[in-house]
Amino acid sequence: MYLDSAKKKEIFEKYGENATDTGSAESQIALFSYRISHLTEHLKKNRKDYGTARSLTKLVGQRRKLLKYLYNKDINRYRSIIKELGLRK
C-alpha cells in the first residue's frame, strides 16, 4: 500500500506540531498533496480509470477548501504551507 501508518506519521511530524497532530490544516493539506501526487502518477499510466479520476477531483476540491480556510484564518500559515509544498500560489 502506498500510504501506510509510518508514512502518515512522517507527514504529520513534518507539517503538524507533532506526530499526533492529525487535525491541523497544514497536516491535512500535506496529506492531501501526497495522495494527489500519487493518484496523478497512477492516472498517467491508467488513463481510463474513471473511479480514480473522480477521487482525484474530490481530493483536489478538499485541499482547495482547506487552503481557502487557512487563507482566511491566518495568511502567514497559508503562505508557509504553500511554499513548503511547492503549490502554485
PDB file of N, CA and C in Angstrom:
ATOM      1  N   MET A   1       0.837  -1.176   0.000  1.00  0.00           N
ATOM      2  CA  MET A   1       0.000   0.000   0.000  1.00  0.00           C
ATOM      3  C   MET A   1       0.887   1.246   0.000  1.00  0.00           C
ATOM      4  N   TYR A   2       0.491   2.243  -0.736  1.00  0.00           N
ATOM      5  CA  TYR A   2       1.338   3.422  -0.892  1.00  0.00           C
ATOM      6  C   TYR A   2       1.321   4.328   0.326  1.00  0.00           C
ATOM      7  N   LEU A   3       0.278   4.255   1.146  1.00  0.00           N
ATOM      8  CA  LEU A   3       0.158   5.159   2.281  1.00  0.00           C
ATOM      9  C   LEU A   3      -0.085   4.339   3.546  1.00  0.00           C
ATOM     10  N   ASP A   4       1.005   3.955   4.193  1.00  0.00           N
ATOM     11  CA  ASP A   4       0.874   3.188   5.432  1.00  0.00           C
ATOM     12  C   ASP A   4       0.975   4.134   6.631  1.00  0.00           C
ATOM     13  N   SER A   5       0.812   3.587   7.805  1.00  0.00           N
ATOM     14  CA  SER A   5       0.776   4.425   9.003  1.00  0.00           C
ATOM     15  C   SER A   5       2.115   5.123   9.255  1.00  0.00           C
ATOM     16  N   ALA A   6       3.221   4.485   8.875  1.00  0.00           N
ATOM     17  CA  ALA A   6       4.525   5.117   9.074  1.00  0.00           C
ATOM     18  C   ALA A   6       4.672   6.364   8.195  1.00  0.00           C
ATOM     19  N   LYS A   7       4.194   6.283   6.967  1.00  0.00           N
ATOM     20  CA  LYS A   7       4.270   7.429   6.058  1.00  0.00           C
ATOM     21  C   LYS A   7       3.377   8.562   6.551  1.00  0.00           C
ATOM     22  N   LYS A   8       2.169   8.230   7.038  1.00  0.00           N
ATOM     23  CA  LYS A   8       1.280   9.245   7.593  1.00  0.00           C
ATOM     24  C   LYS A   8       1.925   9.938   8.795  1.00  0.00           C
ATOM     25  N   LYS A   9       2.547   9.129   9.654  1.00  0.00           N
ATOM     26  CA  LYS A   9       3.185   9.676  10.842  1.00  0.00           C
ATOM     27  C   LYS A   9       4.317  10.637  10.446  1.00  0.00           C
ATOM     28  N   GLU A  10       5.065  10.257   9.418  1.00  0.00           N
ATOM     29  CA  GLU A  10       6.149  11.112   8.933  1.00  0.00           C
ATOM     30  C   GLU A  10       5.609  12.446   8.410  1.00  0.00           C
ATOM     31  N   ILE A  11       4.510  12.405   7.667  1.00  0.00           N
ATOM     32  CA  ILE A  11       3.902  13.631   7.140  1.00  0.00           C
ATOM     33  C   ILE A  11       3.406  14.504   8.284  1.00  0.00           C
ATOM     34  N   PHE A  12       2.746  13.893   9.269  1.00  0.00           N
ATOM     35  CA  PHE A  12       2.212  14.662  10.389  1.00  0.00           C
ATOM     36  C   PHE A  12       3.320  15.247  11.255  1.00  0.00           C
ATOM     37  N   GLU A  13       4.444  14.534  11.398  1.00  0.00           N
ATOM     38  CA  GLU A  13       5.573  15.075  12.154  1.00  0.00           C
ATOM     39  C   GLU A  13       6.170  16.288  11.446  1.00  0.00           C
ATOM     40  N   LYS A  14       6.263  16.203  10.114  1.00  0.00           N
ATOM     41  CA  LYS A  14       6.910  17.267   9.361  1.00  0.00           C
ATOM     42  C   LYS A  14       6.052  18.530   9.272  1.00  0.00           C
ATOM     43  N   TYR A  15       4.762  18.369   9.041  1.00  0.00           N
ATOM     44  CA  TYR A  15       3.905  19.531   8.795  1.00  0.00           C
ATOM     45  C   TYR A  15       3.007  19.896   9.967  1.00  0.00           C
ATOM     46  N   GLY A  16       2.768  18.975  10.890  1.00  0.00           N
ATOM     47  CA  GLY A  16       1.968  19.291  12.060  1.00  0.00           C
ATOM     48  C   GLY A  16       2.853  19.738  13.202  1.00  0.00           C
ATOM     49  N   GLU A  17       2.242  19.957  14.345  1.00  0.00           N
ATOM     50  CA  GLU A  17       3.030  20.365  15.505  1.00  0.00           C
ATOM     51  C   GLU A  17       3.782  19.186  16.100  1.00  0.00           C
ATOM     52  N   ASN A  18       3.176  17.998  16.047  1.00  0.00           N
ATOM     53  CA  ASN A  18       3.843  16.780  16.499  1.00  0.00           C
ATOM     54  C   ASN A  18       3.285  15.599  15.714  1.00  0.00           C
ATOM     55  N   ALA A  19       3.700  14.382  16.076  1.00  0.00           N
ATOM     56  CA  ALA A  19       3.312  13.204  15.307  1.00  0.00           C
ATOM     57  C   ALA A  19       1.829  12.882  15.430  1.00  0.00           C
ATOM     58  N   THR A  20       1.195  13.322  16.511  1.00  0.00           N
ATOM     59  CA  THR A  20      -0.213  13.006  16.701  1.00  0.00           C
ATOM     60  C   THR A  20      -1.132  14.152  16.277  1.00  0.00           C
ATOM     61  N   ASP A  21      -0.578  15.192  15.689  1.00  0.00           N
ATOM     62  CA  ASP A  21      -1.361  16.342  15.237  1.00  0.00           C
ATOM     63  C   ASP A  21      -1.934  16.038  13.857  1.00  0.00           C
ATOM     64  N   THR A  22      -3.061  15.340  13.836  1.00  0.00           N
ATOM     65  CA  THR A  22      -3.668  14.943  12.568  1.00  0.00           C
ATOM     66  C   THR A  22      -4.761  15.897  12.129  1.00  0.00           C
ATOM     67  N   GLY A  23      -5.140  16.837  12.971  1.00  0.00           N
ATOM     68  CA  GLY A  23      -6.272  17.681  12.664  1.00  0.00           C
ATOM     69  C   GLY A  23      -5.932  19.064  12.166  1.00  0.00           C
ATOM     70  N   SER A  24      -4.674  19.463  12.252  1.00  0.00           N
ATOM     71  CA  SER A  24      -4.339  20.812  11.806  1.00  0.00           C
ATOM     72  C   SER A  24      -4.476  20.913  10.289  1.00  0.00           C
ATOM     73  N   ALA A  25      -4.776  22.111   9.832  1.00  0.00           N
ATOM     74  CA  ALA A  25      -4.978  22.324   8.402  1.00  0.00           C
ATOM     75  C   ALA A  25      -3.712  22.012   7.609  1.00  0.00           C
ATOM     76  N   GLU A  26      -2.556  22.378   8.159  1.00  0.00           N
ATOM     77  CA  GLU A  26      -1.297  22.134   7.440  1.00  0.00           C
ATOM     78  C   GLU A  26      -1.043  20.643   7.230  1.00  0.00           C
ATOM     79  N   SER A  27      -1.266  19.853   8.266  1.00  0.00           N
ATOM     80  CA  SER A  27      -1.003  18.418   8.141  1.00  0.00           C
ATOM     81  C   SER A  27      -1.994  17.770   7.185  1.00  0.00           C
ATOM     82  N   GLN A  28      -3.243  18.208   7.205  1.00  0.00           N
ATOM     83  CA  GLN A  28      -4.223  17.647   6.283  1.00  0.00           C
ATOM     84  C   GLN A  28      -3.918  18.036   4.842  1.00  0.00           C
ATOM     85  N   ILE A  29      -3.506  19.281   4.628  1.00  0.00           N
ATOM     86  CA  ILE A  29      -3.153  19.728   3.283  1.00  0.00           C
ATOM     87  C   ILE A  29      -1.954  18.940   2.757  1.00  0.00           C
ATOM     88  N   ALA A  30      -0.978  18.698   3.616  1.00  0.00           N
ATOM     89  CA  ALA A  30       0.200  17.929   3.204  1.00  0.00           C
ATOM     90  C   ALA A  30      -0.187  16.496   2.857  1.00  0.00           C
ATOM     91  N   LEU A  31      -1.076  15.898   3.639  1.00  0.00           N
ATOM     92  CA  LEU A  31      -1.521  14.534   3.357  1.00  0.00           C
ATOM     93  C   LEU A  31      -2.291  14.487   2.042  1.00  0.00           C
ATOM     94  N   PHE A  32      -3.186  15.455   1.825  1.00  0.00           N
ATOM     95  CA  PHE A  32      -3.914  15.507   0.554  1.00  0.00           C
ATOM     96  C   PHE A  32      -2.960  15.684  -0.617  1.00  0.00           C
ATOM     97  N   SER A  33      -1.939  16.515  -0.454  1.00  0.00           N
ATOM     98  CA  SER A  33      -0.983  16.733  -1.538  1.00  0.00           C
ATOM     99  C   SER A  33      -0.225  15.458  -1.875  1.00  0.00           C
ATOM    100  N   TYR A  34       0.139  14.695  -0.857  1.00  0.00           N
ATOM    101  CA  TYR A  34       0.825  13.431  -1.094  1.00  0.00           C
ATOM    102  C   TYR A  34      -0.091  12.468  -1.853  1.00  0.00           C
ATOM    103  N   ARG A  35      -1.332  12.382  -1.427  1.00  0.00           N
ATOM    104  CA  ARG A  35      -2.279  11.482  -2.090  1.00  0.00           C
ATOM    105  C   ARG A  35      -2.564  11.937  -3.515  1.00  0.00           C
ATOM    106  N   ILE A  36      -2.665  13.254  -3.728  1.00  0.00           N
ATOM    107  CA  ILE A  36      -2.918  13.789  -5.069  1.00  0.00           C
ATOM    108  C   ILE A  36      -1.771  13.453  -6.004  1.00  0.00           C
ATOM    109  N   SER A  37      -0.542  13.590  -5.537  1.00  0.00           N
ATOM    110  CA  SER A  37       0.605  13.276  -6.405  1.00  0.00           C
ATOM    111  C   SER A  37       0.641  11.790  -6.749  1.00  0.00           C
ATOM    112  N   HIS A  38       0.273  10.939  -5.789  1.00  0.00           N
ATOM    113  CA  HIS A  38       0.248   9.501  -6.063  1.00  0.00           C
ATOM    114  C   HIS A  38      -0.831   9.160  -7.081  1.00  0.00           C
ATOM    115  N   LEU A  39      -2.019   9.721  -6.930  1.00  0.00           N
ATOM    116  CA  LEU A  39      -3.107   9.437  -7.867  1.00  0.00           C
ATOM    117  C   LEU A  39      -2.817  10.006  -9.253  1.00  0.00           C
ATOM    118  N   THR A  40      -2.123  11.123  -9.315  1.00  0.00           N
ATOM    119  CA  THR A  40      -1.762  11.702 -10.606  1.00  0.00           C
ATOM    120  C   THR A  40      -0.826  10.768 -11.366  1.00  0.00           C
ATOM    121  N   GLU A  41       0.151  10.212 -10.664  1.00  0.00           N
ATOM    122  CA  GLU A  41       1.065   9.259 -11.305  1.00  0.00           C
ATOM    123  C   GLU A  41       0.308   8.007 -11.767  1.00  0.00           C
ATOM    124  N   HIS A  42      -0.638   7.552 -10.969  1.00  0.00           N
ATOM    125  CA  HIS A  42      -1.427   6.375 -11.337  1.00  0.00           C
ATOM    126  C   HIS A  42      -2.240   6.656 -12.603  1.00  0.00           C
ATOM    127  N   LEU A  43      -2.823   7.852 -12.688  1.00  0.00           N
ATOM    128  CA  LEU A  43      -3.656   8.176 -13.849  1.00  0.00           C
ATOM    129  C   LEU A  43      -2.840   8.402 -15.115  1.00  0.00           C
ATOM    130  N   LYS A  44      -1.562   8.724 -14.972  1.00  0.00           N
ATOM    131  CA  LYS A  44      -0.717   8.834 -16.159  1.00  0.00           C
ATOM    132  C   LYS A  44      -0.547   7.479 -16.834  1.00  0.00           C
ATOM    133  N   LYS A  45      -0.551   6.422 -16.017  1.00  0.00           N
ATOM    134  CA  LYS A  45      -0.404   5.061 -16.556  1.00  0.00           C
ATOM    135  C   LYS A  45      -1.742   4.449 -16.940  1.00  0.00           C
ATOM    136  N   ASN A  46      -2.798   4.802 -16.216  1.00  0.00           N
ATOM    137  CA  ASN A  46      -4.117   4.200 -16.405  1.00  0.00           C
ATOM    138  C   ASN A  46      -5.133   5.295 -16.712  1.00  0.00           C
ATOM    139  N   ARG A  47      -5.158   5.718 -17.963  1.00  0.00           N
ATOM    140  CA  ARG A  47      -5.974   6.861 -18.338  1.00  0.00           C
ATOM    141  C   ARG A  47      -7.470   6.600 -18.213  1.00  0.00           C
ATOM    142  N   LYS A  48      -7.903   5.373 -18.326  1.00  0.00           N
ATOM    143  CA  LYS A  48      -9.334   5.075 -18.323  1.00  0.00           C
ATOM    144  C   LYS A  48      -9.862   4.665 -16.957  1.00  0.00           C
ATOM    145  N   ASP A  49      -9.106   4.900 -15.921  1.00  0.00           N
ATOM    146  CA  ASP A  49      -9.537   4.586 -14.560  1.00  0.00           C
ATOM    147  C   ASP A  49     -10.375   5.754 -14.049  1.00  0.00           C
ATOM    148  N   TYR A  50     -11.654   5.716 -14.350  1.00  0.00           N
ATOM    149  CA  TYR A  50     -12.522   6.858 -14.069  1.00  0.00           C
ATOM    150  C   TYR A  50     -12.837   6.991 -12.584  1.00  0.00           C
ATOM    151  N   GLY A  51     -12.849   5.911 -11.848  1.00  0.00           N
ATOM    152  CA  GLY A  51     -13.074   5.979 -10.409  1.00  0.00           C
ATOM    153  C   GLY A  51     -11.965   6.726  -9.705  1.00  0.00           C
ATOM    154  N   THR A  52     -10.739   6.447 -10.106  1.00  0.00           N
ATOM    155  CA  THR A  52      -9.595   7.155  -9.535  1.00  0.00           C
ATOM    156  C   THR A  52      -9.601   8.623  -9.960  1.00  0.00           C
ATOM    157  N   ALA A  53     -10.023   8.895 -11.176  1.00  0.00           N
ATOM    158  CA  ALA A  53     -10.097  10.285 -11.638  1.00  0.00           C
ATOM    159  C   ALA A  53     -11.101  11.069 -10.796  1.00  0.00           C
ATOM    160  N   ARG A  54     -12.207  10.445 -10.464  1.00  0.00           N
ATOM    161  CA  ARG A  54     -13.207  11.104  -9.622  1.00  0.00           C
ATOM    162  C   ARG A  54     -12.654  11.337  -8.218  1.00  0.00           C
ATOM    163  N   SER A  55     -11.942  10.349  -7.679  1.00  0.00           N
ATOM    164  CA  SER A  55     -11.334  10.507  -6.358  1.00  0.00           C
ATOM    165  C   SER A  55     -10.313  11.639  -6.354  1.00  0.00           C
ATOM    166  N   LEU A  56      -9.554  11.741  -7.424  1.00  0.00           N
ATOM    167  CA  LEU A  56      -8.566  12.811  -7.536  1.00  0.00           C
ATOM    168  C   LEU A  56      -9.242  14.174  -7.545  1.00  0.00           C
ATOM    169  N   THR A  57     -10.331  14.285  -8.285  1.00  0.00           N
ATOM    170  CA  THR A  57     -11.062  15.549  -8.339  1.00  0.00           C
ATOM    171  C   THR A  57     -11.597  15.929  -6.963  1.00  0.00           C
ATOM    172  N   LYS A  58     -12.113  14.956  -6.217  1.00  0.00           N
ATOM    173  CA  LYS A  58     -12.624  15.227  -4.877  1.00  0.00           C
ATOM    174  C   LYS A  58     -11.503  15.663  -3.936  1.00  0.00           C
ATOM    175  N   LEU A  59     -10.346  15.011  -4.031  1.00  0.00           N
ATOM    176  CA  LEU A  59      -9.222  15.378  -3.168  1.00  0.00           C
ATOM    177  C   LEU A  59      -8.732  16.795  -3.451  1.00  0.00           C
ATOM    178  N   VAL A  60      -8.676  17.144  -4.723  1.00  0.00           N
ATOM    179  CA  VAL A  60      -8.240  18.494  -5.085  1.00  0.00           C
ATOM    180  C   VAL A  60      -9.216  19.525  -4.517  1.00  0.00           C
ATOM    181  N   GLY A  61     -10.505  19.227  -4.567  1.00  0.00           N
ATOM    182  CA  GLY A  61     -11.503  20.130  -4.009  1.00  0.00           C
ATOM    183  C   GLY A  61     -11.383  20.263  -2.503  1.00  0.00           C
ATOM    184  N   GLN A  62     -11.137  19.145  -1.815  1.00  0.00           N
ATOM    185  CA  GLN A  62     -10.976  19.189  -0.364  1.00  0.00           C
ATOM    186  C   GLN A  62      -9.745  19.999   0.023  1.00  0.00           C
ATOM    187  N   ARG A  63      -8.653  19.796  -0.718  1.00  0.00           N
ATOM    188  CA  ARG A  63      -7.442  20.555  -0.428  1.00  0.00           C
ATOM    189  C   ARG A  63      -7.662  22.044  -0.683  1.00  0.00           C
ATOM    190  N   ARG A  64      -8.381  22.362  -1.755  1.00  0.00           N
ATOM    191  CA  ARG A  64      -8.656  23.760  -2.072  1.00  0.00           C
ATOM    192  C   ARG A  64      -9.494  24.421  -0.979  1.00  0.00           C
ATOM    193  N   LYS A  65     -10.468  23.680  -0.426  1.00  0.00           N
ATOM    194  CA  LYS A  65     -11.289  24.220   0.665  1.00  0.00           C
ATOM    195  C   LYS A  65     -10.442  24.479   1.908  1.00  0.00           C
ATOM    196  N   LEU A  66      -9.542  23.554   2.219  1.00  0.00           N
ATOM    197  CA  LEU A  66      -8.679  23.761   3.385  1.00  0.00           C
ATOM    198  C   LEU A  66      -7.728  24.929   3.171  1.00  0.00           C
ATOM    199  N   LEU A  67      -7.214  25.075   1.959  1.00  0.00           N
ATOM    200  CA  LEU A  67      -6.338  26.209   1.664  1.00  0.00           C
ATOM    201  C   LEU A  67      -7.097  27.527   1.777  1.00  0.00           C
ATOM    202  N   LYS A  68      -8.341  27.546   1.326  1.00  0.00           N
ATOM    203  CA  LYS A  68      -9.150  28.756   1.436  1.00  0.00           C
ATOM    204  C   LYS A  68      -9.411  29.086   2.901  1.00  0.00           C
ATOM    205  N   TYR A  69      -9.702  28.062   3.707  1.00  0.00           N
ATOM    206  CA  TYR A  69      -9.907  28.261   5.139  1.00  0.00           C
ATOM    207  C   TYR A  69      -8.655  28.852   5.784  1.00  0.00           C
ATOM    208  N   LEU A  70      -7.506  28.271   5.454  1.00  0.00           N
ATOM    209  CA  LEU A  70      -6.252  28.734   6.038  1.00  0.00           C
ATOM    210  C   LEU A  70      -5.921  30.150   5.574  1.00  0.00           C
ATOM    211  N   TYR A  71      -6.232  30.461   4.337  1.00  0.00           N
ATOM    212  CA  TYR A  71      -6.010  31.808   3.800  1.00  0.00           C
ATOM    213  C   TYR A  71      -6.819  32.841   4.591  1.00  0.00           C
ATOM    214  N   ASN A  72      -8.066  32.509   4.875  1.00  0.00           N
ATOM    215  CA  ASN A  72      -8.923  33.440   5.617  1.00  0.00           C
ATOM    216  C   ASN A  72      -8.580  33.495   7.096  1.00  0.00           C
ATOM    217  N   LYS A  73      -8.084  32.406   7.642  1.00  0.00           N
ATOM    218  CA  LYS A  73      -7.800  32.324   9.074  1.00  0.00           C
ATOM    219  C   LYS A  73      -6.454  32.971   9.425  1.00  0.00           C
ATOM    220  N   ASP A  74      -5.391  32.566   8.704  1.00  0.00           N
ATOM    221  CA  ASP A  74      -4.045  33.064   9.015  1.00  0.00           C
ATOM    222  C   ASP A  74      -3.203  33.046   7.738  1.00  0.00           C
ATOM    223  N   ILE A  75      -2.981  34.207   7.159  1.00  0.00           N
ATOM    224  CA  ILE A  75      -2.294  34.316   5.867  1.00  0.00           C
ATOM    225  C   ILE A  75      -0.842  33.856   5.943  1.00  0.00           C
ATOM    226  N   ASN A  76      -0.191  34.024   7.086  1.00  0.00           N
ATOM    227  CA  ASN A  76       1.206  33.611   7.205  1.00  0.00           C
ATOM    228  C   ASN A  76       1.342  32.092   7.180  1.00  0.00           C
ATOM    229  N   ARG A  77       0.447  31.396   7.869  1.00  0.00           N
ATOM    230  CA  ARG A  77       0.461  29.927   7.827  1.00  0.00           C
ATOM    231  C   ARG A  77       0.162  29.434   6.416  1.00  0.00           C
ATOM    232  N   TYR A  78      -0.762  30.116   5.728  1.00  0.00           N
ATOM    233  CA  TYR A  78      -1.103  29.772   4.347  1.00  0.00           C
ATOM    234  C   TYR A  78       0.114  29.900   3.440  1.00  0.00           C
ATOM    235  N   ARG A  79       0.809  31.011   3.553  1.00  0.00           N
ATOM    236  CA  ARG A  79       1.979  31.245   2.697  1.00  0.00           C
ATOM    237  C   ARG A  79       3.093  30.246   2.978  1.00  0.00           C
ATOM    238  N   SER A  80       3.266  29.884   4.246  1.00  0.00           N
ATOM    239  CA  SER A  80       4.335  28.944   4.573  1.00  0.00           C
ATOM    240  C   SER A  80       4.036  27.541   4.043  1.00  0.00           C
ATOM    241  N   ILE A  81       2.795  27.088   4.138  1.00  0.00           N
ATOM    242  CA  ILE A  81       2.481  25.738   3.651  1.00  0.00           C
ATOM    243  C   ILE A  81       2.528  25.682   2.129  1.00  0.00           C
ATOM    244  N   ILE A  82       2.130  26.776   1.465  1.00  0.00           N
ATOM    245  CA  ILE A  82       2.220  26.830   0.003  1.00  0.00           C
ATOM    246  C   ILE A  82       3.675  26.737  -0.432  1.00  0.00           C
ATOM    247  N   LYS A  83       4.539  27.449   0.276  1.00  0.00           N
ATOM    248  CA  LYS A  83       5.952  27.451  -0.078  1.00  0.00           C
ATOM    249  C   LYS A  83       6.593  26.082   0.183  1.00  0.00           C
ATOM    250  N   GLU A  84       6.277  25.467   1.324  1.00  0.00           N
ATOM    251  CA  GLU A  84       6.858  24.170   1.678  1.00  0.00           C
ATOM    252  C   GLU A  84       6.446  23.078   0.700  1.00  0.00           C
ATOM    253  N   LEU A  85       5.177  23.092   0.288  1.00  0.00           N
ATOM    254  CA  LEU A  85       4.679  22.043  -0.593  1.00  0.00           C
ATOM    255  C   LEU A  85       4.926  22.345  -2.071  1.00  0.00           C
ATOM    256  N   GLY A  86       5.280  23.577  -2.376  1.00  0.00           N
ATOM    257  CA  GLY A  86       5.551  23.930  -3.765  1.00  0.00           C
ATOM    258  C   GLY A  86       4.284  24.036  -4.597  1.00  0.00           C
ATOM    259  N   LEU A  87       3.206  24.489  -3.977  1.00  0.00           N
ATOM    260  CA  LEU A  87       1.964  24.667  -4.729  1.00  0.00           C
ATOM    261  C   LEU A  87       1.998  25.972  -5.483  1.00  0.00           C
ATOM    262  N   ARG A  88       1.091  26.178  -6.359  1.00  0.00           N
ATOM    263  CA  ARG A  88       1.168  27.249  -7.352  1.00  0.00           C
ATOM    264  C   ARG A  88       1.032  28.659  -6.806  1.00  0.00           C
ATOM    265  N   LYS A  89       0.327  28.824  -5.685  1.00  0.00           N
ATOM    266  CA  LYS A  89       0.043  30.179  -5.211  1.00  0.00           C
ATOM    267  C   LYS A  89       1.123  30.681  -4.288  1.00  0.00           C
TER     268      LYS A  89
END
